[in-house]
Amino acid sequence: MEEYMLPCLNKQLFGVECLGCGIQRATALFFKGEFLAAFKMYPAIYTLMLLGLFLILTFFVKLKYKNVIKIALIILNILIVIVSYFIKMNSVHP
């Protein structure tokens, strides 16, 4: 399956992984049932899926605090992506 994945342009051009590196492999691992490996590959995979499901749900169900929940999930995802990126970069390049 990895032969069909898009390469990271940032990594190819600059040699440094981007904030999204690993999301395709994590998604593939998730659908293979390797849930822990998916989390280790890209820690924000589950909160991004939760955000996606929430956004889809809001098309069909009217929620009172829809915008507050959406903004909170977006902020949570941004924080997880940034923190996990810096942890990954510091563990790769001590």
PDB file of N, CA and C in Angstrom:
ATOM      1  N   MET A   1       0.820  -1.197   0.000  1.00  0.00           N
ATOM      2  CA  MET A   1       0.000   0.000   0.000  1.00  0.00           C
ATOM      3  C   MET A   1       0.866   1.265   0.000  1.00  0.00           C
ATOM      4  N   GLU A   2       2.059   1.201   0.580  1.00  0.00           N
ATOM      5  CA  GLU A   2       2.892   2.397   0.663  1.00  0.00           C
ATOM      6  C   GLU A   2       3.348   2.903  -0.695  1.00  0.00           C
ATOM      7  N   GLU A   3       3.342   2.044  -1.715  1.00  0.00           N
ATOM      8  CA  GLU A   3       3.753   2.505  -3.042  1.00  0.00           C
ATOM      9  C   GLU A   3       2.746   3.483  -3.642  1.00  0.00           C
ATOM     10  N   TYR A   4       1.527   3.540  -3.097  1.00  0.00           N
ATOM     11  CA  TYR A   4       0.499   4.454  -3.589  1.00  0.00           C
ATOM     12  C   TYR A   4       0.420   5.751  -2.787  1.00  0.00           C
ATOM     13  N   MET A   5       1.222   5.866  -1.745  1.00  0.00           N
ATOM     14  CA  MET A   5       1.169   7.057  -0.895  1.00  0.00           C
ATOM     15  C   MET A   5       1.952   8.209  -1.520  1.00  0.00           C
ATOM     16  N   LEU A   6       1.463   9.399  -1.271  1.00  0.00           N
ATOM     17  CA  LEU A   6       2.136  10.593  -1.778  1.00  0.00           C
ATOM     18  C   LEU A   6       3.390  10.873  -0.954  1.00  0.00           C
ATOM     19  N   PRO A   7       4.488  11.207  -1.598  1.00  0.00           N
ATOM     20  CA  PRO A   7       5.696  11.555  -0.845  1.00  0.00           C
ATOM     21  C   PRO A   7       5.577  12.954  -0.247  1.00  0.00           C
ATOM     22  N   CYS A   8       6.302  13.188   0.814  1.00  0.00           N
ATOM     23  CA  CYS A   8       6.312  14.505   1.447  1.00  0.00           C
ATOM     24  C   CYS A   8       7.236  15.412   0.641  1.00  0.00           C
ATOM     25  N   LEU A   9       6.672  16.428   0.035  1.00  0.00           N
ATOM     26  CA  LEU A   9       7.440  17.355  -0.780  1.00  0.00           C
ATOM     27  C   LEU A   9       8.451  18.124   0.074  1.00  0.00           C
ATOM     28  N   ASN A  10       8.041  18.493   1.280  1.00  0.00           N
ATOM     29  CA  ASN A  10       8.935  19.209   2.188  1.00  0.00           C
ATOM     30  C   ASN A  10      10.165  18.361   2.520  1.00  0.00           C
ATOM     31  N   LYS A  11       9.943  17.085   2.778  1.00  0.00           N
ATOM     32  CA  LYS A  11      11.050  16.186   3.117  1.00  0.00           C
ATOM     33  C   LYS A  11      11.954  15.956   1.907  1.00  0.00           C
ATOM     34  N   GLN A  12      11.370  15.858   0.725  1.00  0.00           N
ATOM     35  CA  GLN A  12      12.163  15.660  -0.486  1.00  0.00           C
ATOM     36  C   GLN A  12      13.007  16.887  -0.817  1.00  0.00           C
ATOM     37  N   LEU A  13      12.441  18.077  -0.666  1.00  0.00           N
ATOM     38  CA  LEU A  13      13.153  19.298  -1.026  1.00  0.00           C
ATOM     39  C   LEU A  13      14.144  19.765   0.028  1.00  0.00           C
ATOM     40  N   PHE A  14      13.731  19.679   1.299  1.00  0.00           N
ATOM     41  CA  PHE A  14      14.540  20.259   2.366  1.00  0.00           C
ATOM     42  C   PHE A  14      15.146  19.234   3.319  1.00  0.00           C
ATOM     43  N   GLY A  15      14.719  17.980   3.225  1.00  0.00           N
ATOM     44  CA  GLY A  15      15.250  16.946   4.099  1.00  0.00           C
ATOM     45  C   GLY A  15      14.684  16.959   5.506  1.00  0.00           C
ATOM     46  N   VAL A  16      13.626  17.711   5.720  1.00  0.00           N
ATOM     47  CA  VAL A  16      13.003  17.833   7.039  1.00  0.00           C
ATOM     48  C   VAL A  16      11.536  17.445   6.913  1.00  0.00           C
ATOM     49  N   GLU A  17      11.059  16.641   7.850  1.00  0.00           N
ATOM     50  CA  GLU A  17       9.652  16.244   7.825  1.00  0.00           C
ATOM     51  C   GLU A  17       8.752  17.438   8.116  1.00  0.00           C
ATOM     52  N   CYS A  18       7.552  17.404   7.558  1.00  0.00           N
ATOM     53  CA  CYS A  18       6.572  18.466   7.809  1.00  0.00           C
ATOM     54  C   CYS A  18       5.648  18.047   8.963  1.00  0.00           C
ATOM     55  N   LEU A  19       4.732  18.919   9.318  1.00  0.00           N
ATOM     56  CA  LEU A  19       3.800  18.632  10.413  1.00  0.00           C
ATOM     57  C   LEU A  19       2.835  17.491  10.080  1.00  0.00           C
ATOM     58  N   GLY A  20       2.663  17.199   8.801  1.00  0.00           N
ATOM     59  CA  GLY A  20       1.733  16.149   8.392  1.00  0.00           C
ATOM     60  C   GLY A  20       2.392  14.826   8.076  1.00  0.00           C
ATOM     61  N   CYS A  21       3.719  14.776   8.161  1.00  0.00           N
ATOM     62  CA  CYS A  21       4.418  13.523   7.850  1.00  0.00           C
ATOM     63  C   CYS A  21       3.954  12.405   8.777  1.00  0.00           C
ATOM     64  N   GLY A  22       3.531  11.324   8.178  1.00  0.00           N
ATOM     65  CA  GLY A  22       3.090  10.164   8.939  1.00  0.00           C
ATOM     66  C   GLY A  22       1.591   9.956   8.931  1.00  0.00           C
ATOM     67  N   ILE A  23       0.822  10.953   8.509  1.00  0.00           N
ATOM     68  CA  ILE A  23      -0.635  10.821   8.589  1.00  0.00           C
ATOM     69  C   ILE A  23      -1.163   9.761   7.621  1.00  0.00           C
ATOM     70  N   GLN A  24      -0.564   9.656   6.440  1.00  0.00           N
ATOM     71  CA  GLN A  24      -1.017   8.623   5.488  1.00  0.00           C
ATOM     72  C   GLN A  24      -0.724   7.225   6.029  1.00  0.00           C
ATOM     73  N   ARG A  25       0.493   7.045   6.536  1.00  0.00           N
ATOM     74  CA  ARG A  25       0.861   5.728   7.080  1.00  0.00           C
ATOM     75  C   ARG A  25       0.038   5.401   8.319  1.00  0.00           C
ATOM     76  N   ALA A  26      -0.234   6.421   9.150  1.00  0.00           N
ATOM     77  CA  ALA A  26      -1.054   6.200  10.338  1.00  0.00           C
ATOM     78  C   ALA A  26      -2.471   5.805   9.957  1.00  0.00           C
ATOM     79  N   THR A  27      -3.009   6.428   8.924  1.00  0.00           N
ATOM     80  CA  THR A  27      -4.353   6.080   8.454  1.00  0.00           C
ATOM     81  C   THR A  27      -4.384   4.652   7.927  1.00  0.00           C
ATOM     82  N   ALA A  28      -3.355   4.271   7.173  1.00  0.00           N
ATOM     83  CA  ALA A  28      -3.276   2.903   6.661  1.00  0.00           C
ATOM     84  C   ALA A  28      -3.177   1.907   7.811  1.00  0.00           C
ATOM     85  N   LEU A  29      -2.364   2.225   8.811  1.00  0.00           N
ATOM     86  CA  LEU A  29      -2.244   1.349   9.983  1.00  0.00           C
ATOM     87  C   LEU A  29      -3.570   1.243  10.721  1.00  0.00           C
ATOM     88  N   PHE A  30      -4.282   2.349  10.849  1.00  0.00           N
ATOM     89  CA  PHE A  30      -5.578   2.344  11.515  1.00  0.00           C
ATOM     90  C   PHE A  30      -6.540   1.392  10.821  1.00  0.00           C
ATOM     91  N   PHE A  31      -6.618   1.481   9.501  1.00  0.00           N
ATOM     92  CA  PHE A  31      -7.545   0.628   8.763  1.00  0.00           C
ATOM     93  C   PHE A  31      -7.104  -0.825   8.706  1.00  0.00           C
ATOM     94  N   LYS A  32      -5.825  -1.084   9.007  1.00  0.00           N
ATOM     95  CA  LYS A  32      -5.348  -2.462   9.136  1.00  0.00           C
ATOM     96  C   LYS A  32      -5.630  -3.012  10.532  1.00  0.00           C
ATOM     97  N   GLY A  33      -6.090  -2.146  11.440  1.00  0.00           N
ATOM     98  CA  GLY A  33      -6.389  -2.574  12.800  1.00  0.00           C
ATOM     99  C   GLY A  33      -5.216  -2.438  13.752  1.00  0.00           C
ATOM    100  N   GLU A  34      -4.156  -1.800  13.320  1.00  0.00           N
ATOM    101  CA  GLU A  34      -2.970  -1.595  14.160  1.00  0.00           C
ATOM    102  C   GLU A  34      -3.081  -0.219  14.818  1.00  0.00           C
ATOM    103  N   PHE A  35      -3.932  -0.145  15.841  1.00  0.00           N
ATOM    104  CA  PHE A  35      -4.310   1.129  16.428  1.00  0.00           C
ATOM    105  C   PHE A  35      -3.178   1.793  17.210  1.00  0.00           C
ATOM    106  N   LEU A  36      -2.412   1.033  17.962  1.00  0.00           N
ATOM    107  CA  LEU A  36      -1.292   1.602  18.714  1.00  0.00           C
ATOM    108  C   LEU A  36      -0.200   2.080  17.765  1.00  0.00           C
ATOM    109  N   ALA A  37       0.080   1.299  16.730  1.00  0.00           N
ATOM    110  CA  ALA A  37       1.092   1.695  15.744  1.00  0.00           C
ATOM    111  C   ALA A  37       0.659   2.968  15.021  1.00  0.00           C
ATOM    112  N   ALA A  38      -0.632   3.105  14.754  1.00  0.00           N
ATOM    113  CA  ALA A  38      -1.149   4.317  14.110  1.00  0.00           C
ATOM    114  C   ALA A  38      -0.937   5.525  15.014  1.00  0.00           C
ATOM    115  N   PHE A  39      -1.192   5.356  16.302  1.00  0.00           N
ATOM    116  CA  PHE A  39      -0.989   6.451  17.254  1.00  0.00           C
ATOM    117  C   PHE A  39       0.485   6.823  17.347  1.00  0.00           C
ATOM    118  N   LYS A  40       1.357   5.823  17.389  1.00  0.00           N
ATOM    119  CA  LYS A  40       2.791   6.098  17.467  1.00  0.00           C
ATOM    120  C   LYS A  40       3.295   6.779  16.200  1.00  0.00           C
ATOM    121  N   MET A  41       2.727   6.440  15.066  1.00  0.00           N
ATOM    122  CA  MET A  41       3.134   7.043  13.797  1.00  0.00           C
ATOM    123  C   MET A  41       2.706   8.508  13.726  1.00  0.00           C
ATOM    124  N   TYR A  42       1.473   8.793  14.162  1.00  0.00           N
ATOM    125  CA  TYR A  42       0.940  10.157  14.086  1.00  0.00           C
ATOM    126  C   TYR A  42      -0.069  10.332  15.224  1.00  0.00           C
ATOM    127  N   PRO A  43       0.373  10.878  16.352  1.00  0.00           N
ATOM    128  CA  PRO A  43      -0.483  10.949  17.546  1.00  0.00           C
ATOM    129  C   PRO A  43      -1.816  11.679  17.371  1.00  0.00           C
ATOM    130  N   ALA A  44      -1.918  12.566  16.421  1.00  0.00           N
ATOM    131  CA  ALA A  44      -3.168  13.314  16.242  1.00  0.00           C
ATOM    132  C   ALA A  44      -4.191  12.556  15.406  1.00  0.00           C
ATOM    133  N   ILE A  45      -3.899  11.334  15.006  1.00  0.00           N
ATOM    134  CA  ILE A  45      -4.783  10.592  14.109  1.00  0.00           C
ATOM    135  C   ILE A  45      -6.196  10.452  14.693  1.00  0.00           C
ATOM    136  N   TYR A  46      -6.293  10.167  15.960  1.00  0.00           N
ATOM    137  CA  TYR A  46      -7.617   9.929  16.550  1.00  0.00           C
ATOM    138  C   TYR A  46      -8.396  11.225  16.785  1.00  0.00           C
ATOM    139  N   THR A  47      -7.708  12.277  17.190  1.00  0.00           N
ATOM    140  CA  THR A  47      -8.422  13.538  17.386  1.00  0.00           C
ATOM    141  C   THR A  47      -8.807  14.153  16.038  1.00  0.00           C
ATOM    142  N   LEU A  48      -8.003  13.917  14.998  1.00  0.00           N
ATOM    143  CA  LEU A  48      -8.384  14.381  13.666  1.00  0.00           C
ATOM    144  C   LEU A  48      -9.600  13.617  13.152  1.00  0.00           C
ATOM    145  N   MET A  49      -9.652  12.323  13.428  1.00  0.00           N
ATOM    146  CA  MET A  49     -10.827  11.534  13.039  1.00  0.00           C
ATOM    147  C   MET A  49     -12.058  12.003  13.807  1.00  0.00           C
ATOM    148  N   LEU A  50     -11.870  12.299  15.081  1.00  0.00           N
ATOM    149  CA  LEU A  50     -12.973  12.815  15.893  1.00  0.00           C
ATOM    150  C   LEU A  50     -13.474  14.147  15.334  1.00  0.00           C
ATOM    151  N   LEU A  51     -12.563  15.021  14.954  1.00  0.00           N
ATOM    152  CA  LEU A  51     -12.947  16.301  14.355  1.00  0.00           C
ATOM    153  C   LEU A  51     -13.691  16.074  13.038  1.00  0.00           C
ATOM    154  N   GLY A  52     -13.183  15.180  12.213  1.00  0.00           N
ATOM    155  CA  GLY A  52     -13.854  14.878  10.948  1.00  0.00           C
ATOM    156  C   GLY A  52     -15.254  14.336  11.155  1.00  0.00           C
ATOM    157  N   LEU A  53     -15.397  13.402  12.090  1.00  0.00           N
ATOM    158  CA  LEU A  53     -16.724  12.852  12.384  1.00  0.00           C
ATOM    159  C   LEU A  53     -17.662  13.917  12.933  1.00  0.00           C
ATOM    160  N   PHE A  54     -17.123  14.789  13.779  1.00  0.00           N
ATOM    161  CA  PHE A  54     -17.942  15.868  14.328  1.00  0.00           C
ATOM    162  C   PHE A  54     -18.419  16.800  13.221  1.00  0.00           C
ATOM    163  N   LEU A  55     -17.523  17.148  12.290  1.00  0.00           N
ATOM    164  CA  LEU A  55     -17.906  18.037  11.190  1.00  0.00           C
ATOM    165  C   LEU A  55     -18.963  17.397  10.301  1.00  0.00           C
ATOM    166  N   ILE A  56     -18.843  16.117  10.050  1.00  0.00           N
ATOM    167  CA  ILE A  56     -19.857  15.407   9.266  1.00  0.00           C
ATOM    168  C   ILE A  56     -21.181  15.371  10.029  1.00  0.00           C
ATOM    169  N   LEU A  57     -21.122  15.104  11.328  1.00  0.00           N
ATOM    170  CA  LEU A  57     -22.319  15.034  12.156  1.00  0.00           C
ATOM    171  C   LEU A  57     -23.084  16.356  12.152  1.00  0.00           C
ATOM    172  N   THR A  58     -22.341  17.469  12.162  1.00  0.00           N
ATOM    173  CA  THR A  58     -23.015  18.773  12.232  1.00  0.00           C
ATOM    174  C   THR A  58     -23.775  19.115  10.952  1.00  0.00           C
ATOM    175  N   PHE A  59     -23.541  18.387   9.868  1.00  0.00           N
ATOM    176  CA  PHE A  59     -24.359  18.578   8.670  1.00  0.00           C
ATOM    177  C   PHE A  59     -25.769  18.029   8.868  1.00  0.00           C
ATOM    178  N   PHE A  60     -25.893  17.039   9.741  1.00  0.00           N
ATOM    179  CA  PHE A  60     -27.173  16.354   9.920  1.00  0.00           C
ATOM    180  C   PHE A  60     -27.873  16.692  11.226  1.00  0.00           C
ATOM    181  N   VAL A  61     -27.115  17.093  12.251  1.00  0.00           N
ATOM    182  CA  VAL A  61     -27.674  17.355  13.576  1.00  0.00           C
ATOM    183  C   VAL A  61     -27.322  18.783  13.989  1.00  0.00           C
ATOM    184  N   LYS A  62     -28.308  19.505  14.457  1.00  0.00           N
ATOM    185  CA  LYS A  62     -28.072  20.862  14.943  1.00  0.00           C
ATOM    186  C   LYS A  62     -27.683  20.790  16.419  1.00  0.00           C
ATOM    187  N   LEU A  63     -26.515  21.311  16.732  1.00  0.00           N
ATOM    188  CA  LEU A  63     -26.028  21.326  18.105  1.00  0.00           C
ATOM    189  C   LEU A  63     -25.935  22.764  18.600  1.00  0.00           C
ATOM    190  N   LYS A  64     -26.254  22.962  19.863  1.00  0.00           N
ATOM    191  CA  LYS A  64     -26.283  24.297  20.433  1.00  0.00           C
ATOM    192  C   LYS A  64     -24.884  24.921  20.471  1.00  0.00           C
ATOM    193  N   TYR A  65     -23.886  24.159  20.895  1.00  0.00           N
ATOM    194  CA  TYR A  65     -22.531  24.675  21.054  1.00  0.00           C
ATOM    195  C   TYR A  65     -21.602  24.165  19.950  1.00  0.00           C
ATOM    196  N   LYS A  66     -22.122  24.027  18.738  1.00  0.00           N
ATOM    197  CA  LYS A  66     -21.377  23.476  17.612  1.00  0.00           C
ATOM    198  C   LYS A  66     -20.061  24.226  17.372  1.00  0.00           C
ATOM    199  N   ASN A  67     -20.118  25.541  17.338  1.00  0.00           N
ATOM    200  CA  ASN A  67     -18.921  26.327  17.040  1.00  0.00           C
ATOM    201  C   ASN A  67     -17.881  26.235  18.147  1.00  0.00           C
ATOM    202  N   VAL A  68     -18.317  26.215  19.385  1.00  0.00           N
ATOM    203  CA  VAL A  68     -17.386  26.107  20.513  1.00  0.00           C
ATOM    204  C   VAL A  68     -16.678  24.755  20.484  1.00  0.00           C
ATOM    205  N   ILE A  69     -17.425  23.706  20.244  1.00  0.00           N
ATOM    206  CA  ILE A  69     -16.845  22.365  20.176  1.00  0.00           C
ATOM    207  C   ILE A  69     -15.888  22.265  18.997  1.00  0.00           C
ATOM    208  N   LYS A  70     -16.291  22.807  17.863  1.00  0.00           N
ATOM    209  CA  LYS A  70     -15.444  22.758  16.662  1.00  0.00           C
ATOM    210  C   LYS A  70     -14.126  23.487  16.902  1.00  0.00           C
ATOM    211  N   ILE A  71     -14.183  24.673  17.465  1.00  0.00           N
ATOM    212  CA  ILE A  71     -12.965  25.445  17.741  1.00  0.00           C
ATOM    213  C   ILE A  71     -12.089  24.731  18.760  1.00  0.00           C
ATOM    214  N   ALA A  72     -12.698  24.145  19.785  1.00  0.00           N
ATOM    215  CA  ALA A  72     -11.929  23.407  20.789  1.00  0.00           C
ATOM    216  C   ALA A  72     -11.222  22.204  20.167  1.00  0.00           C
ATOM    217  N   LEU A  73     -11.911  21.471  19.295  1.00  0.00           N
ATOM    218  CA  LEU A  73     -11.292  20.325  18.632  1.00  0.00           C
ATOM    219  C   LEU A  73     -10.171  20.759  17.687  1.00  0.00           C
ATOM    220  N   ILE A  74     -10.356  21.865  17.009  1.00  0.00           N
ATOM    221  CA  ILE A  74      -9.316  22.377  16.107  1.00  0.00           C
ATOM    222  C   ILE A  74      -8.084  22.780  16.907  1.00  0.00           C
ATOM    223  N   ILE A  75      -8.287  23.503  18.003  1.00  0.00           N
ATOM    224  CA  ILE A  75      -7.162  23.918  18.852  1.00  0.00           C
ATOM    225  C   ILE A  75      -6.457  22.699  19.430  1.00  0.00           C
ATOM    226  N   LEU A  76      -7.216  21.711  19.891  1.00  0.00           N
ATOM    227  CA  LEU A  76      -6.631  20.489  20.425  1.00  0.00           C
ATOM    228  C   LEU A  76      -5.770  19.794  19.372  1.00  0.00           C
ATOM    229  N   ASN A  77      -6.284  19.695  18.150  1.00  0.00           N
ATOM    230  CA  ASN A  77      -5.531  19.058  17.076  1.00  0.00           C
ATOM    231  C   ASN A  77      -4.262  19.818  16.741  1.00  0.00           C
ATOM    232  N   ILE A  78      -4.343  21.125  16.678  1.00  0.00           N
ATOM    233  CA  ILE A  78      -3.157  21.935  16.384  1.00  0.00           C
ATOM    234  C   ILE A  78      -2.100  21.725  17.453  1.00  0.00           C
ATOM    235  N   LEU A  79      -2.517  21.729  18.713  1.00  0.00           N
ATOM    236  CA  LEU A  79      -1.567  21.523  19.806  1.00  0.00           C
ATOM    237  C   LEU A  79      -0.919  20.140  19.739  1.00  0.00           C
ATOM    238  N   ILE A  80      -1.711  19.113  19.502  1.00  0.00           N
ATOM    239  CA  ILE A  80      -1.165  17.759  19.423  1.00  0.00           C
ATOM    240  C   ILE A  80      -0.194  17.629  18.257  1.00  0.00           C
ATOM    241  N   VAL A  81      -0.553  18.183  17.107  1.00  0.00           N
ATOM    242  CA  VAL A  81       0.321  18.103  15.936  1.00  0.00           C
ATOM    243  C   VAL A  81       1.645  18.814  16.203  1.00  0.00           C
ATOM    244  N   ILE A  82       1.589  20.011  16.761  1.00  0.00           N
ATOM    245  CA  ILE A  82       2.814  20.784  17.005  1.00  0.00           C
ATOM    246  C   ILE A  82       3.681  20.132  18.073  1.00  0.00           C
ATOM    247  N   VAL A  83       3.085  19.734  19.182  1.00  0.00           N
ATOM    248  CA  VAL A  83       3.859  19.116  20.257  1.00  0.00           C
ATOM    249  C   VAL A  83       4.483  17.799  19.792  1.00  0.00           C
ATOM    250  N   SER A  84       3.708  16.966  19.105  1.00  0.00           N
ATOM    251  CA  SER A  84       4.265  15.689  18.645  1.00  0.00           C
ATOM    252  C   SER A  84       5.342  15.906  17.591  1.00  0.00           C
ATOM    253  N   TYR A  85       5.212  16.953  16.771  1.00  0.00           N
ATOM    254  CA  TYR A  85       6.238  17.266  15.778  1.00  0.00           C
ATOM    255  C   TYR A  85       7.552  17.630  16.468  1.00  0.00           C
ATOM    256  N   PHE A  86       7.493  18.488  17.479  1.00  0.00           N
ATOM    257  CA  PHE A  86       8.711  18.874  18.175  1.00  0.00           C
ATOM    258  C   PHE A  86       9.318  17.707  18.943  1.00  0.00           C
ATOM    259  N   ILE A  87       8.494  16.849  19.498  1.00  0.00           N
ATOM    260  CA  ILE A  87       9.023  15.657  20.171  1.00  0.00           C
ATOM    261  C   ILE A  87       9.723  14.763  19.159  1.00  0.00           C
ATOM    262  N   LYS A  88       9.106  14.564  17.986  1.00  0.00           N
ATOM    263  CA  LYS A  88       9.712  13.739  16.944  1.00  0.00           C
ATOM    264  C   LYS A  88      11.023  14.339  16.453  1.00  0.00           C
ATOM    265  N   MET A  89      11.052  15.641  16.235  1.00  0.00           N
ATOM    266  CA  MET A  89      12.261  16.292  15.737  1.00  0.00           C
ATOM    267  C   MET A  89      13.385  16.249  16.769  1.00  0.00           C
ATOM    268  N   ASN A  90      13.056  16.370  18.048  1.00  0.00           N
ATOM    269  CA  ASN A  90      14.078  16.325  19.088  1.00  0.00           C
ATOM    270  C   ASN A  90      14.591  14.911  19.325  1.00  0.00           C
ATOM    271  N   SER A  91      13.762  13.907  19.077  1.00  0.00           N
ATOM    272  CA  SER A  91      14.221  12.528  19.270  1.00  0.00           C
ATOM    273  C   SER A  91      15.045  12.050  18.085  1.00  0.00           C
ATOM    274  N   VAL A  92      14.796  12.615  16.898  1.00  0.00           N
ATOM    275  CA  VAL A  92      15.555  12.244  15.710  1.00  0.00           C
ATOM    276  C   VAL A  92      16.898  12.956  15.680  1.00  0.00           C
ATOM    277  N   HIS A  93      16.910  14.229  16.067  1.00  0.00           N
ATOM    278  CA  HIS A  93      18.126  15.039  16.036  1.00  0.00           C
ATOM    279  C   HIS A  93      18.457  15.517  17.444  1.00  0.00           C
ATOM    280  N   PRO A  94      19.175  14.712  18.223  1.00  0.00           N
ATOM    281  CA  PRO A  94      19.468  15.112  19.617  1.00  0.00           C
ATOM    282  C   PRO A  94      20.398  16.300  19.731  1.00  0.00           C
TER     283      PRO A  94
END
